[in-house]
Amino acid sequence: ASYEKRLALLRSGGTKDPTKLGPDAVYKVLKHALESKSPRPHYLVTRPAKAGVFLKRILPAKLLYKILAKSS
């Protein structure tokens, strides 16, 4: 049921979030990675991704997974 709900959301164009980034944000990070002399293996683009990495560093795994489960 949760999967079907997410799938329907994606088919309808996703969420209408005012902080949602456009393709230009990905392009900027990708261009930086391609032009870098020593590119990193991973690049973060969105605020939720950056927040997730931060929370992963400071929270115990059990608490992090509980928070992630509530957000989906």
N, C-alpha and C. Protein backbone atom coordinates (compact mmCIF):
# COMPACT_ATOMS: atom_id res chain seq x y z
N ALA A 1 0.83 -1.20 0.00
CA ALA A 1 0.00 0.00 0.00
C ALA A 1 0.87 1.26 0.00
N SER A 2 1.94 1.24 0.79
CA SER A 2 2.85 2.39 0.87
C SER A 2 3.55 2.60 -0.47
N TYR A 3 3.94 1.50 -1.10
CA TYR A 3 4.60 1.57 -2.41
C TYR A 3 3.67 2.16 -3.46
N GLU A 4 2.42 1.70 -3.47
CA GLU A 4 1.44 2.20 -4.43
C GLU A 4 1.17 3.69 -4.21
N LYS A 5 1.15 4.12 -2.97
CA LYS A 5 0.94 5.53 -2.65
C LYS A 5 2.08 6.38 -3.20
N ARG A 6 3.31 5.93 -2.99
CA ARG A 6 4.48 6.64 -3.50
C ARG A 6 4.49 6.67 -5.02
N LEU A 7 4.15 5.56 -5.63
CA LEU A 7 4.11 5.46 -7.08
C LEU A 7 3.08 6.43 -7.66
N ALA A 8 1.92 6.52 -7.06
CA ALA A 8 0.88 7.45 -7.50
C ALA A 8 1.35 8.89 -7.36
N LEU A 9 2.07 9.18 -6.29
CA LEU A 9 2.61 10.52 -6.08
C LEU A 9 3.61 10.89 -7.17
N LEU A 10 4.48 9.95 -7.50
CA LEU A 10 5.46 10.19 -8.56
C LEU A 10 4.79 10.38 -9.92
N ARG A 11 3.79 9.60 -10.19
CA ARG A 11 3.08 9.71 -11.47
C ARG A 11 2.35 11.04 -11.60
N SER A 12 1.94 11.60 -10.49
CA SER A 12 1.22 12.88 -10.54
C SER A 12 2.15 14.08 -10.55
N GLY A 13 3.45 13.85 -10.61
CA GLY A 13 4.40 14.95 -10.67
C GLY A 13 5.14 15.22 -9.39
N GLY A 14 4.95 14.41 -8.40
CA GLY A 14 5.65 14.57 -7.13
C GLY A 14 4.99 15.60 -6.23
N THR A 15 5.67 15.93 -5.17
CA THR A 15 5.14 16.90 -4.22
C THR A 15 5.35 18.31 -4.74
N LYS A 16 4.53 19.21 -4.32
CA LYS A 16 4.63 20.62 -4.71
C LYS A 16 5.40 21.38 -3.63
N ASP A 17 6.63 21.04 -3.46
CA ASP A 17 7.48 21.62 -2.42
C ASP A 17 8.19 22.86 -2.96
N PRO A 18 8.04 24.02 -2.31
CA PRO A 18 8.70 25.23 -2.81
C PRO A 18 10.22 25.17 -2.71
N THR A 19 10.75 24.28 -1.90
CA THR A 19 12.21 24.16 -1.78
C THR A 19 12.78 23.13 -2.75
N LYS A 20 11.93 22.53 -3.55
CA LYS A 20 12.37 21.49 -4.49
C LYS A 20 13.32 22.10 -5.52
N LEU A 21 14.45 21.44 -5.73
CA LEU A 21 15.45 21.94 -6.65
C LEU A 21 15.17 21.47 -8.07
N GLY A 22 15.58 22.26 -9.00
CA GLY A 22 15.41 21.92 -10.41
C GLY A 22 16.64 21.22 -10.96
N PRO A 23 16.61 20.89 -12.26
CA PRO A 23 17.72 20.19 -12.89
C PRO A 23 19.02 20.99 -12.86
N ASP A 24 18.92 22.32 -12.79
CA ASP A 24 20.13 23.14 -12.76
C ASP A 24 20.99 22.86 -11.53
N ALA A 25 20.37 22.49 -10.42
CA ALA A 25 21.13 22.17 -9.21
C ALA A 25 21.97 20.91 -9.42
N VAL A 26 21.38 19.93 -10.06
CA VAL A 26 22.12 18.69 -10.34
C VAL A 26 23.22 18.96 -11.35
N TYR A 27 22.91 19.77 -12.36
CA TYR A 27 23.90 20.11 -13.39
C TYR A 27 25.12 20.77 -12.77
N LYS A 28 24.90 21.71 -11.85
CA LYS A 28 26.00 22.43 -11.22
C LYS A 28 26.93 21.47 -10.47
N VAL A 29 26.35 20.55 -9.72
CA VAL A 29 27.16 19.58 -8.96
C VAL A 29 27.85 18.60 -9.90
N LEU A 30 27.13 18.16 -10.92
CA LEU A 30 27.72 17.23 -11.89
C LEU A 30 28.87 17.86 -12.64
N LYS A 31 28.71 19.11 -13.05
CA LYS A 31 29.78 19.82 -13.76
C LYS A 31 31.01 19.94 -12.88
N HIS A 32 30.78 20.28 -11.61
CA HIS A 32 31.89 20.38 -10.66
C HIS A 32 32.62 19.04 -10.54
N ALA A 33 31.87 17.96 -10.45
CA ALA A 33 32.47 16.63 -10.31
C ALA A 33 33.27 16.26 -11.56
N LEU A 34 32.74 16.57 -12.73
CA LEU A 34 33.42 16.22 -13.97
C LEU A 34 34.68 17.05 -14.21
N GLU A 35 34.68 18.28 -13.74
CA GLU A 35 35.83 19.15 -13.96
C GLU A 35 36.87 19.07 -12.84
N SER A 36 36.55 18.39 -11.77
CA SER A 36 37.46 18.28 -10.64
C SER A 36 38.63 17.37 -10.96
N LYS A 37 39.82 17.75 -10.49
CA LYS A 37 41.00 16.91 -10.70
C LYS A 37 40.94 15.65 -9.86
N SER A 38 40.30 15.74 -8.72
CA SER A 38 40.14 14.56 -7.87
C SER A 38 38.69 14.53 -7.36
N PRO A 39 37.79 14.02 -8.17
CA PRO A 39 36.37 14.00 -7.77
C PRO A 39 36.11 13.05 -6.61
N ARG A 40 35.14 13.42 -5.80
CA ARG A 40 34.73 12.56 -4.68
C ARG A 40 33.82 11.46 -5.22
N PRO A 41 33.69 10.37 -4.50
CA PRO A 41 32.80 9.30 -4.97
C PRO A 41 31.32 9.64 -4.87
N HIS A 42 30.96 10.58 -3.96
CA HIS A 42 29.56 10.94 -3.77
C HIS A 42 29.44 12.45 -3.62
N TYR A 43 28.35 12.98 -4.16
CA TYR A 43 28.03 14.40 -4.02
C TYR A 43 26.59 14.53 -3.54
N LEU A 44 26.38 15.44 -2.62
CA LEU A 44 25.04 15.70 -2.11
C LEU A 44 24.48 16.92 -2.82
N VAL A 45 23.23 16.83 -3.24
CA VAL A 45 22.61 17.93 -3.98
C VAL A 45 21.47 18.55 -3.17
N THR A 46 20.58 17.75 -2.66
CA THR A 46 19.38 18.27 -2.01
C THR A 46 19.59 18.50 -0.51
N ARG A 47 18.73 19.35 0.04
CA ARG A 47 18.79 19.60 1.49
C ARG A 47 18.48 18.34 2.30
N PRO A 48 17.49 17.55 1.90
CA PRO A 48 17.24 16.32 2.66
C PRO A 48 18.44 15.37 2.66
N ALA A 49 19.15 15.30 1.54
CA ALA A 49 20.34 14.43 1.50
C ALA A 49 21.41 14.94 2.44
N LYS A 50 21.62 16.25 2.44
CA LYS A 50 22.62 16.84 3.34
C LYS A 50 22.22 16.66 4.80
N ALA A 51 20.93 16.85 5.07
CA ALA A 51 20.44 16.67 6.44
C ALA A 51 20.58 15.21 6.87
N GLY A 52 20.31 14.29 5.96
CA GLY A 52 20.42 12.86 6.27
C GLY A 52 21.84 12.47 6.65
N VAL A 53 22.80 12.99 5.90
CA VAL A 53 24.21 12.68 6.21
C VAL A 53 24.58 13.27 7.57
N PHE A 54 24.13 14.48 7.83
CA PHE A 54 24.41 15.10 9.12
C PHE A 54 23.80 14.30 10.27
N LEU A 55 22.51 13.94 10.11
CA LEU A 55 21.84 13.17 11.16
C LEU A 55 22.48 11.80 11.36
N LYS A 56 22.95 11.20 10.28
CA LYS A 56 23.60 9.89 10.39
C LYS A 56 24.86 9.98 11.24
N ARG A 57 25.53 11.12 11.17
CA ARG A 57 26.76 11.31 11.94
C ARG A 57 26.51 11.52 13.43
N ILE A 58 25.37 12.17 13.75
CA ILE A 58 25.17 12.56 15.15
C ILE A 58 24.19 11.69 15.92
N LEU A 59 23.36 10.93 15.20
CA LEU A 59 22.34 10.14 15.89
C LEU A 59 22.70 8.66 15.92
N PRO A 60 22.25 7.96 16.95
CA PRO A 60 22.38 6.51 16.95
C PRO A 60 21.52 5.94 15.82
N ALA A 61 21.96 4.83 15.24
CA ALA A 61 21.28 4.23 14.09
C ALA A 61 19.80 3.95 14.37
N LYS A 62 19.49 3.44 15.55
CA LYS A 62 18.12 3.09 15.88
C LYS A 62 17.20 4.32 15.83
N LEU A 63 17.68 5.43 16.36
CA LEU A 63 16.89 6.66 16.35
C LEU A 63 16.76 7.22 14.93
N LEU A 64 17.83 7.16 14.17
CA LEU A 64 17.79 7.63 12.79
C LEU A 64 16.76 6.85 11.98
N TYR A 65 16.76 5.54 12.10
CA TYR A 65 15.81 4.72 11.35
C TYR A 65 14.38 4.97 11.79
N LYS A 66 14.18 5.27 13.07
CA LYS A 66 12.85 5.59 13.57
C LYS A 66 12.36 6.90 12.92
N ILE A 67 13.23 7.89 12.83
CA ILE A 67 12.88 9.17 12.21
C ILE A 67 12.59 8.97 10.72
N LEU A 68 13.42 8.20 10.05
CA LEU A 68 13.23 7.97 8.62
C LEU A 68 11.94 7.21 8.34
N ALA A 69 11.59 6.28 9.22
CA ALA A 69 10.36 5.52 9.03
C ALA A 69 9.13 6.42 9.16
N LYS A 70 9.19 7.39 10.05
CA LYS A 70 8.06 8.31 10.24
C LYS A 70 7.91 9.26 9.05
N SER A 71 9.02 9.60 8.39
CA SER A 71 8.96 10.58 7.30
C SER A 71 8.45 9.98 6.00
N SER A 72 8.37 8.68 5.89
CA SER A 72 7.91 8.09 4.61
C SER A 72 6.48 7.66 4.64
